Amino acid sequence: MTHKQVTVPAEDIDTLLDAIEDKLHKIGKTYRANGKSWHDDLAITSLRKVAAQLGTDFEILSSDEPDGFIITRVPHTAAE
């Protein structure tokens, strides 16, 4: 696998983040039923990594709501 850099125009970042957030909600709807699967955890981590490259992170909390997760966008900060 090669590493390639993709430039996302500033006007498209919110659209991409919306798509990531939608996918996280989709995972959240079945997360408990799937036994909090390793595959779901891997997908969540991967989506958060993509968002971090766009300067955003998602705070994800478990919920009994139909969406399964409560998701909040927060600015990405690098780990110290």
PDB file of N, CA and C in Angstrom:
ATOM      1  N   MET A   1       0.848  -1.169   0.000  1.00  0.00           N
ATOM      2  CA  MET A   1       0.000   0.000   0.000  1.00  0.00           C
ATOM      3  C   MET A   1       0.894   1.234   0.000  1.00  0.00           C
ATOM      4  N   THR A   2       0.548   2.184  -0.816  1.00  0.00           N
ATOM      5  CA  THR A   2       1.320   3.417  -0.863  1.00  0.00           C
ATOM      6  C   THR A   2       0.559   4.522  -0.150  1.00  0.00           C
ATOM      7  N   HIS A   3       1.300   5.479   0.322  1.00  0.00           N
ATOM      8  CA  HIS A   3       0.690   6.625   0.986  1.00  0.00           C
ATOM      9  C   HIS A   3       0.572   7.751  -0.033  1.00  0.00           C
ATOM     10  N   LYS A   4      -0.640   8.222  -0.217  1.00  0.00           N
ATOM     11  CA  LYS A   4      -0.878   9.316  -1.147  1.00  0.00           C
ATOM     12  C   LYS A   4      -1.578  10.435  -0.407  1.00  0.00           C
ATOM     13  N   GLN A   5      -1.250  11.638  -0.783  1.00  0.00           N
ATOM     14  CA  GLN A   5      -1.892  12.794  -0.177  1.00  0.00           C
ATOM     15  C   GLN A   5      -3.014  13.263  -1.092  1.00  0.00           C
ATOM     16  N   VAL A   6      -4.152  13.502  -0.498  1.00  0.00           N
ATOM     17  CA  VAL A   6      -5.305  14.000  -1.234  1.00  0.00           C
ATOM     18  C   VAL A   6      -5.642  15.372  -0.679  1.00  0.00           C
ATOM     19  N   THR A   7      -5.798  16.341  -1.554  1.00  0.00           N
ATOM     20  CA  THR A   7      -6.172  17.679  -1.130  1.00  0.00           C
ATOM     21  C   THR A   7      -7.685  17.828  -1.264  1.00  0.00           C
ATOM     22  N   VAL A   8      -8.317  18.163  -0.154  1.00  0.00           N
ATOM     23  CA  VAL A   8      -9.766  18.357  -0.150  1.00  0.00           C
ATOM     24  C   VAL A   8     -10.027  19.864  -0.138  1.00  0.00           C
ATOM     25  N   PRO A   9     -10.743  20.372  -1.133  1.00  0.00           N
ATOM     26  CA  PRO A   9     -11.054  21.803  -1.138  1.00  0.00           C
ATOM     27  C   PRO A   9     -11.815  22.190   0.131  1.00  0.00           C
ATOM     28  N   ALA A  10     -11.497  23.350   0.667  1.00  0.00           N
ATOM     29  CA  ALA A  10     -12.097  23.810   1.926  1.00  0.00           C
ATOM     30  C   ALA A  10     -13.624  23.774   1.887  1.00  0.00           C
ATOM     31  N   GLU A  11     -14.202  24.087   0.738  1.00  0.00           N
ATOM     32  CA  GLU A  11     -15.663  24.120   0.654  1.00  0.00           C
ATOM     33  C   GLU A  11     -16.292  22.722   0.698  1.00  0.00           C
ATOM     34  N   ASP A  12     -15.479  21.673   0.558  1.00  0.00           N
ATOM     35  CA  ASP A  12     -15.992  20.299   0.584  1.00  0.00           C
ATOM     36  C   ASP A  12     -15.743  19.578   1.907  1.00  0.00           C
ATOM     37  N   ILE A  13     -15.001  20.187   2.813  1.00  0.00           N
ATOM     38  CA  ILE A  13     -14.659  19.522   4.072  1.00  0.00           C
ATOM     39  C   ILE A  13     -15.906  19.192   4.889  1.00  0.00           C
ATOM     40  N   ASP A  14     -16.830  20.130   5.021  1.00  0.00           N
ATOM     41  CA  ASP A  14     -18.046  19.859   5.807  1.00  0.00           C
ATOM     42  C   ASP A  14     -18.870  18.724   5.206  1.00  0.00           C
ATOM     43  N   THR A  15     -18.920  18.651   3.886  1.00  0.00           N
ATOM     44  CA  THR A  15     -19.655  17.567   3.229  1.00  0.00           C
ATOM     45  C   THR A  15     -19.020  16.221   3.552  1.00  0.00           C
ATOM     46  N   LEU A  16     -17.706  16.165   3.516  1.00  0.00           N
ATOM     47  CA  LEU A  16     -16.994  14.932   3.841  1.00  0.00           C
ATOM     48  C   LEU A  16     -17.185  14.561   5.312  1.00  0.00           C
ATOM     49  N   LEU A  17     -17.111  15.550   6.199  1.00  0.00           N
ATOM     50  CA  LEU A  17     -17.334  15.293   7.627  1.00  0.00           C
ATOM     51  C   LEU A  17     -18.768  14.836   7.892  1.00  0.00           C
ATOM     52  N   ASP A  18     -19.734  15.388   7.149  1.00  0.00           N
ATOM     53  CA  ASP A  18     -21.127  14.936   7.276  1.00  0.00           C
ATOM     54  C   ASP A  18     -21.247  13.458   6.907  1.00  0.00           C
ATOM     55  N   ALA A  19     -20.564  13.056   5.836  1.00  0.00           N
ATOM     56  CA  ALA A  19     -20.605  11.654   5.404  1.00  0.00           C
ATOM     57  C   ALA A  19     -19.975  10.739   6.455  1.00  0.00           C
ATOM     58  N   ILE A  20     -18.868  11.177   7.047  1.00  0.00           N
ATOM     59  CA  ILE A  20     -18.220  10.397   8.106  1.00  0.00           C
ATOM     60  C   ILE A  20     -19.153  10.273   9.305  1.00  0.00           C
ATOM     61  N   GLU A  21     -19.764  11.383   9.696  1.00  0.00           N
ATOM     62  CA  GLU A  21     -20.680  11.361  10.838  1.00  0.00           C
ATOM     63  C   GLU A  21     -21.886  10.455  10.564  1.00  0.00           C
ATOM     64  N   ASP A  22     -22.413  10.502   9.353  1.00  0.00           N
ATOM     65  CA  ASP A  22     -23.528   9.617   8.987  1.00  0.00           C
ATOM     66  C   ASP A  22     -23.127   8.155   9.123  1.00  0.00           C
ATOM     67  N   LYS A  23     -21.925   7.821   8.672  1.00  0.00           N
ATOM     68  CA  LYS A  23     -21.444   6.437   8.777  1.00  0.00           C
ATOM     69  C   LYS A  23     -21.281   6.034  10.240  1.00  0.00           C
ATOM     70  N   LEU A  24     -20.786   6.937  11.079  1.00  0.00           N
ATOM     71  CA  LEU A  24     -20.652   6.638  12.509  1.00  0.00           C
ATOM     72  C   LEU A  24     -22.020   6.368  13.133  1.00  0.00           C
ATOM     73  N   HIS A  25     -23.032   7.153  12.756  1.00  0.00           N
ATOM     74  CA  HIS A  25     -24.392   6.914  13.258  1.00  0.00           C
ATOM     75  C   HIS A  25     -24.912   5.553  12.783  1.00  0.00           C
ATOM     76  N   LYS A  26     -24.605   5.208  11.543  1.00  0.00           N
ATOM     77  CA  LYS A  26     -25.032   3.921  10.995  1.00  0.00           C
ATOM     78  C   LYS A  26     -24.411   2.769  11.795  1.00  0.00           C
ATOM     79  N   ILE A  27     -23.134   2.889  12.125  1.00  0.00           N
ATOM     80  CA  ILE A  27     -22.460   1.881  12.950  1.00  0.00           C
ATOM     81  C   ILE A  27     -23.101   1.842  14.332  1.00  0.00           C
ATOM     82  N   GLY A  28     -23.412   3.013  14.881  1.00  0.00           N
ATOM     83  CA  GLY A  28     -23.995   3.103  16.219  1.00  0.00           C
ATOM     84  C   GLY A  28     -25.331   2.399  16.351  1.00  0.00           C
ATOM     85  N   LYS A  29     -26.095   2.363  15.266  1.00  0.00           N
ATOM     86  CA  LYS A  29     -27.419   1.731  15.306  1.00  0.00           C
ATOM     87  C   LYS A  29     -27.338   0.230  15.574  1.00  0.00           C
ATOM     88  N   THR A  30     -26.228  -0.404  15.178  1.00  0.00           N
ATOM     89  CA  THR A  30     -26.100  -1.859  15.345  1.00  0.00           C
ATOM     90  C   THR A  30     -24.939  -2.257  16.249  1.00  0.00           C
ATOM     91  N   TYR A  31     -24.277  -1.273  16.845  1.00  0.00           N
ATOM     92  CA  TYR A  31     -23.050  -1.539  17.613  1.00  0.00           C
ATOM     93  C   TYR A  31     -23.278  -2.542  18.745  1.00  0.00           C
ATOM     94  N   ARG A  32     -24.289  -2.329  19.546  1.00  0.00           N
ATOM     95  CA  ARG A  32     -24.558  -3.258  20.662  1.00  0.00           C
ATOM     96  C   ARG A  32     -25.033  -4.612  20.158  1.00  0.00           C
ATOM     97  N   ALA A  33     -25.893  -4.609  19.157  1.00  0.00           N
ATOM     98  CA  ALA A  33     -26.405  -5.870  18.607  1.00  0.00           C
ATOM     99  C   ALA A  33     -25.282  -6.718  18.012  1.00  0.00           C
ATOM    100  N   ASN A  34     -24.251  -6.050  17.505  1.00  0.00           N
ATOM    101  CA  ASN A  34     -23.099  -6.761  16.944  1.00  0.00           C
ATOM    102  C   ASN A  34     -22.107  -7.172  18.020  1.00  0.00           C
ATOM    103  N   GLY A  35     -22.441  -6.940  19.272  1.00  0.00           N
ATOM    104  CA  GLY A  35     -21.532  -7.304  20.356  1.00  0.00           C
ATOM    105  C   GLY A  35     -20.334  -6.386  20.465  1.00  0.00           C
ATOM    106  N   LYS A  36     -20.530  -5.112  20.080  1.00  0.00           N
ATOM    107  CA  LYS A  36     -19.428  -4.135  20.109  1.00  0.00           C
ATOM    108  C   LYS A  36     -18.209  -4.728  19.402  1.00  0.00           C
ATOM    109  N   SER A  37     -18.407  -5.141  18.182  1.00  0.00           N
ATOM    110  CA  SER A  37     -17.420  -5.928  17.443  1.00  0.00           C
ATOM    111  C   SER A  37     -16.125  -5.177  17.165  1.00  0.00           C
ATOM    112  N   TRP A  38     -15.081  -5.975  17.029  1.00  0.00           N
ATOM    113  CA  TRP A  38     -13.755  -5.454  16.712  1.00  0.00           C
ATOM    114  C   TRP A  38     -13.796  -4.745  15.360  1.00  0.00           C
ATOM    115  N   HIS A  39     -14.568  -5.279  14.414  1.00  0.00           N
ATOM    116  CA  HIS A  39     -14.666  -4.660  13.089  1.00  0.00           C
ATOM    117  C   HIS A  39     -15.308  -3.275  13.176  1.00  0.00           C
ATOM    118  N   ASP A  40     -16.324  -3.142  14.011  1.00  0.00           N
ATOM    119  CA  ASP A  40     -16.940  -1.827  14.216  1.00  0.00           C
ATOM    120  C   ASP A  40     -15.942  -0.867  14.851  1.00  0.00           C
ATOM    121  N   ASP A  41     -15.204  -1.348  15.850  1.00  0.00           N
ATOM    122  CA  ASP A  41     -14.203  -0.503  16.509  1.00  0.00           C
ATOM    123  C   ASP A  41     -13.140  -0.046  15.512  1.00  0.00           C
ATOM    124  N   LEU A  42     -12.720  -0.948  14.639  1.00  0.00           N
ATOM    125  CA  LEU A  42     -11.725  -0.618  13.623  1.00  0.00           C
ATOM    126  C   LEU A  42     -12.268   0.434  12.655  1.00  0.00           C
ATOM    127  N   ALA A  43     -13.514   0.279  12.233  1.00  0.00           N
ATOM    128  CA  ALA A  43     -14.133   1.249  11.327  1.00  0.00           C
ATOM    129  C   ALA A  43     -14.253   2.618  11.989  1.00  0.00           C
ATOM    130  N   ILE A  44     -14.666   2.640  13.258  1.00  0.00           N
ATOM    131  CA  ILE A  44     -14.789   3.902  13.994  1.00  0.00           C
ATOM    132  C   ILE A  44     -13.436   4.595  14.084  1.00  0.00           C
ATOM    133  N   THR A  45     -12.403   3.838  14.434  1.00  0.00           N
ATOM    134  CA  THR A  45     -11.053   4.404  14.546  1.00  0.00           C
ATOM    135  C   THR A  45     -10.585   4.953  13.206  1.00  0.00           C
ATOM    136  N   SER A  46     -10.823   4.219  12.138  1.00  0.00           N
ATOM    137  CA  SER A  46     -10.402   4.662  10.804  1.00  0.00           C
ATOM    138  C   SER A  46     -11.113   5.944  10.388  1.00  0.00           C
ATOM    139  N   LEU A  47     -12.401   6.011  10.636  1.00  0.00           N
ATOM    140  CA  LEU A  47     -13.160   7.214  10.288  1.00  0.00           C
ATOM    141  C   LEU A  47     -12.692   8.416  11.099  1.00  0.00           C
ATOM    142  N   ARG A  48     -12.373   8.191  12.366  1.00  0.00           N
ATOM    143  CA  ARG A  48     -11.870   9.294  13.195  1.00  0.00           C
ATOM    144  C   ARG A  48     -10.498   9.760  12.708  1.00  0.00           C
ATOM    145  N   LYS A  49      -9.680   8.845  12.195  1.00  0.00           N
ATOM    146  CA  LYS A  49      -8.362   9.222  11.652  1.00  0.00           C
ATOM    147  C   LYS A  49      -8.521  10.101  10.414  1.00  0.00           C
ATOM    148  N   VAL A  50      -9.468   9.756   9.560  1.00  0.00           N
ATOM    149  CA  VAL A  50      -9.723  10.578   8.374  1.00  0.00           C
ATOM    150  C   VAL A  50     -10.185  11.969   8.802  1.00  0.00           C
ATOM    151  N   ALA A  51     -11.105  12.028   9.755  1.00  0.00           N
ATOM    152  CA  ALA A  51     -11.595  13.319  10.250  1.00  0.00           C
ATOM    153  C   ALA A  51     -10.461  14.137  10.862  1.00  0.00           C
ATOM    154  N   ALA A  52      -9.554  13.465  11.580  1.00  0.00           N
ATOM    155  CA  ALA A  52      -8.426  14.170  12.201  1.00  0.00           C
ATOM    156  C   ALA A  52      -7.554  14.840  11.145  1.00  0.00           C
ATOM    157  N   GLN A  53      -7.404  14.191   9.997  1.00  0.00           N
ATOM    158  CA  GLN A  53      -6.618  14.783   8.915  1.00  0.00           C
ATOM    159  C   GLN A  53      -7.294  16.031   8.353  1.00  0.00           C
ATOM    160  N   LEU A  54      -8.584  16.155   8.615  1.00  0.00           N
ATOM    161  CA  LEU A  54      -9.336  17.339   8.183  1.00  0.00           C
ATOM    162  C   LEU A  54      -9.481  18.356   9.310  1.00  0.00           C
ATOM    163  N   GLY A  55      -8.809  18.088  10.444  1.00  0.00           N
ATOM    164  CA  GLY A  55      -8.810  19.034  11.559  1.00  0.00           C
ATOM    165  C   GLY A  55      -9.950  18.879  12.538  1.00  0.00           C
ATOM    166  N   THR A  56     -10.685  17.778  12.450  1.00  0.00           N
ATOM    167  CA  THR A  56     -11.849  17.558  13.303  1.00  0.00           C
ATOM    168  C   THR A  56     -11.764  16.185  13.948  1.00  0.00           C
ATOM    169  N   ASP A  57     -12.344  16.066  15.134  1.00  0.00           N
ATOM    170  CA  ASP A  57     -12.488  14.764  15.775  1.00  0.00           C
ATOM    171  C   ASP A  57     -13.955  14.616  16.156  1.00  0.00           C
ATOM    172  N   PHE A  58     -14.353  13.410  16.434  1.00  0.00           N
ATOM    173  CA  PHE A  58     -15.714  13.139  16.871  1.00  0.00           C
ATOM    174  C   PHE A  58     -15.667  12.557  18.270  1.00  0.00           C
ATOM    175  N   GLU A  59     -16.364  13.201  19.198  1.00  0.00           N
ATOM    176  CA  GLU A  59     -16.536  12.631  20.532  1.00  0.00           C
ATOM    177  C   GLU A  59     -17.748  11.713  20.416  1.00  0.00           C
ATOM    178  N   ILE A  60     -17.552  10.436  20.732  1.00  0.00           N
ATOM    179  CA  ILE A  60     -18.611   9.444  20.540  1.00  0.00           C
ATOM    180  C   ILE A  60     -18.972   8.834  21.882  1.00  0.00           C
ATOM    181  N   LEU A  61     -20.238   8.977  22.256  1.00  0.00           N
ATOM    182  CA  LEU A  61     -20.732   8.409  23.509  1.00  0.00           C
ATOM    183  C   LEU A  61     -21.838   7.411  23.202  1.00  0.00           C
ATOM    184  N   SER A  62     -21.852   6.320  23.930  1.00  0.00           N
ATOM    185  CA  SER A  62     -22.895   5.308  23.785  1.00  0.00           C
ATOM    186  C   SER A  62     -24.217   5.878  24.282  1.00  0.00           C
ATOM    187  N   SER A  63     -25.311   5.442  23.679  1.00  0.00           N
ATOM    188  CA  SER A  63     -26.620   5.973  24.042  1.00  0.00           C
ATOM    189  C   SER A  63     -27.695   4.932  23.769  1.00  0.00           C
ATOM    190  N   ASP A  64     -28.815   5.064  24.452  1.00  0.00           N
ATOM    191  CA  ASP A  64     -29.965   4.210  24.181  1.00  0.00           C
ATOM    192  C   ASP A  64     -30.853   4.811  23.094  1.00  0.00           C
ATOM    193  N   GLU A  65     -30.433   5.934  22.542  1.00  0.00           N
ATOM    194  CA  GLU A  65     -31.172   6.591  21.464  1.00  0.00           C
ATOM    195  C   GLU A  65     -31.168   5.692  20.218  1.00  0.00           C
ATOM    196  N   PRO A  66     -32.115   5.885  19.309  1.00  0.00           N
ATOM    197  CA  PRO A  66     -32.157   5.065  18.090  1.00  0.00           C
ATOM    198  C   PRO A  66     -30.876   5.133  17.255  1.00  0.00           C
ATOM    199  N   ASP A  67     -30.172   6.279  17.311  1.00  0.00           N
ATOM    200  CA  ASP A  67     -28.918   6.396  16.558  1.00  0.00           C
ATOM    201  C   ASP A  67     -27.778   5.629  17.213  1.00  0.00           C
ATOM    202  N   GLY A  68     -27.967   5.192  18.450  1.00  0.00           N
ATOM    203  CA  GLY A  68     -26.959   4.376  19.112  1.00  0.00           C
ATOM    204  C   GLY A  68     -25.802   5.147  19.704  1.00  0.00           C
ATOM    205  N   PHE A  69     -25.405   6.224  19.084  1.00  0.00           N
ATOM    206  CA  PHE A  69     -24.299   7.041  19.574  1.00  0.00           C
ATOM    207  C   PHE A  69     -24.751   8.493  19.674  1.00  0.00           C
ATOM    208  N   ILE A  70     -24.179   9.203  20.628  1.00  0.00           N
ATOM    209  CA  ILE A  70     -24.276  10.660  20.661  1.00  0.00           C
ATOM    210  C   ILE A  70     -22.937  11.133  20.123  1.00  0.00           C
ATOM    211  N   ILE A  71     -22.958  11.874  19.032  1.00  0.00           N
ATOM    212  CA  ILE A  71     -21.725  12.276  18.361  1.00  0.00           C
ATOM    213  C   ILE A  71     -21.619  13.790  18.362  1.00  0.00           C
ATOM    214  N   THR A  72     -20.461  14.278  18.798  1.00  0.00           N
ATOM    215  CA  THR A  72     -20.187  15.710  18.824  1.00  0.00           C
ATOM    216  C   THR A  72     -18.884  15.967  18.078  1.00  0.00           C
ATOM    217  N   ARG A  73     -18.901  16.949  17.188  1.00  0.00           N
ATOM    218  CA  ARG A  73     -17.660  17.337  16.496  1.00  0.00           C
ATOM    219  C   ARG A  73     -16.851  18.257  17.397  1.00  0.00           C
ATOM    220  N   VAL A  74     -15.568  17.976  17.473  1.00  0.00           N
ATOM    221  CA  VAL A  74     -14.656  18.809  18.255  1.00  0.00           C
ATOM    222  C   VAL A  74     -13.392  19.034  17.432  1.00  0.00           C
ATOM    223  N   PRO A  75     -12.685  20.133  17.683  1.00  0.00           N
ATOM    224  CA  PRO A  75     -11.425  20.346  16.968  1.00  0.00           C
ATOM    225  C   PRO A  75     -10.436  19.237  17.316  1.00  0.00           C
ATOM    226  N   HIS A  76      -9.710  18.770  16.315  1.00  0.00           N
ATOM    227  CA  HIS A  76      -8.697  17.736  16.549  1.00  0.00           C
ATOM    228  C   HIS A  76      -7.472  18.368  17.196  1.00  0.00           C
ATOM    229  N   THR A  77      -6.986  17.752  18.245  1.00  0.00           N
ATOM    230  CA  THR A  77      -5.738  18.185  18.868  1.00  0.00           C
ATOM    231  C   THR A  77      -4.804  16.990  18.912  1.00  0.00           C
ATOM    232  N   ALA A  78      -3.568  17.203  18.521  1.00  0.00           N
ATOM    233  CA  ALA A  78      -2.584  16.120  18.507  1.00  0.00           C
ATOM    234  C   ALA A  78      -2.280  15.668  19.925  1.00  0.00           C
ATOM    235  N   ALA A  79      -2.061  14.373  20.085  1.00  0.00           N
ATOM    236  CA  ALA A  79      -1.709  13.824  21.401  1.00  0.00           C
ATOM    237  C   ALA A  79      -0.328  14.312  21.800  1.00  0.00           C
ATOM    238  N   GLU A  80      -0.174  14.541  23.075  1.00  0.00           N
ATOM    239  CA  GLU A  80       1.130  15.020  23.558  1.00  0.00           C
ATOM    240  C   GLU A  80       1.941  13.879  24.100  1.00  0.00           C
TER     241      GLU A  80
END
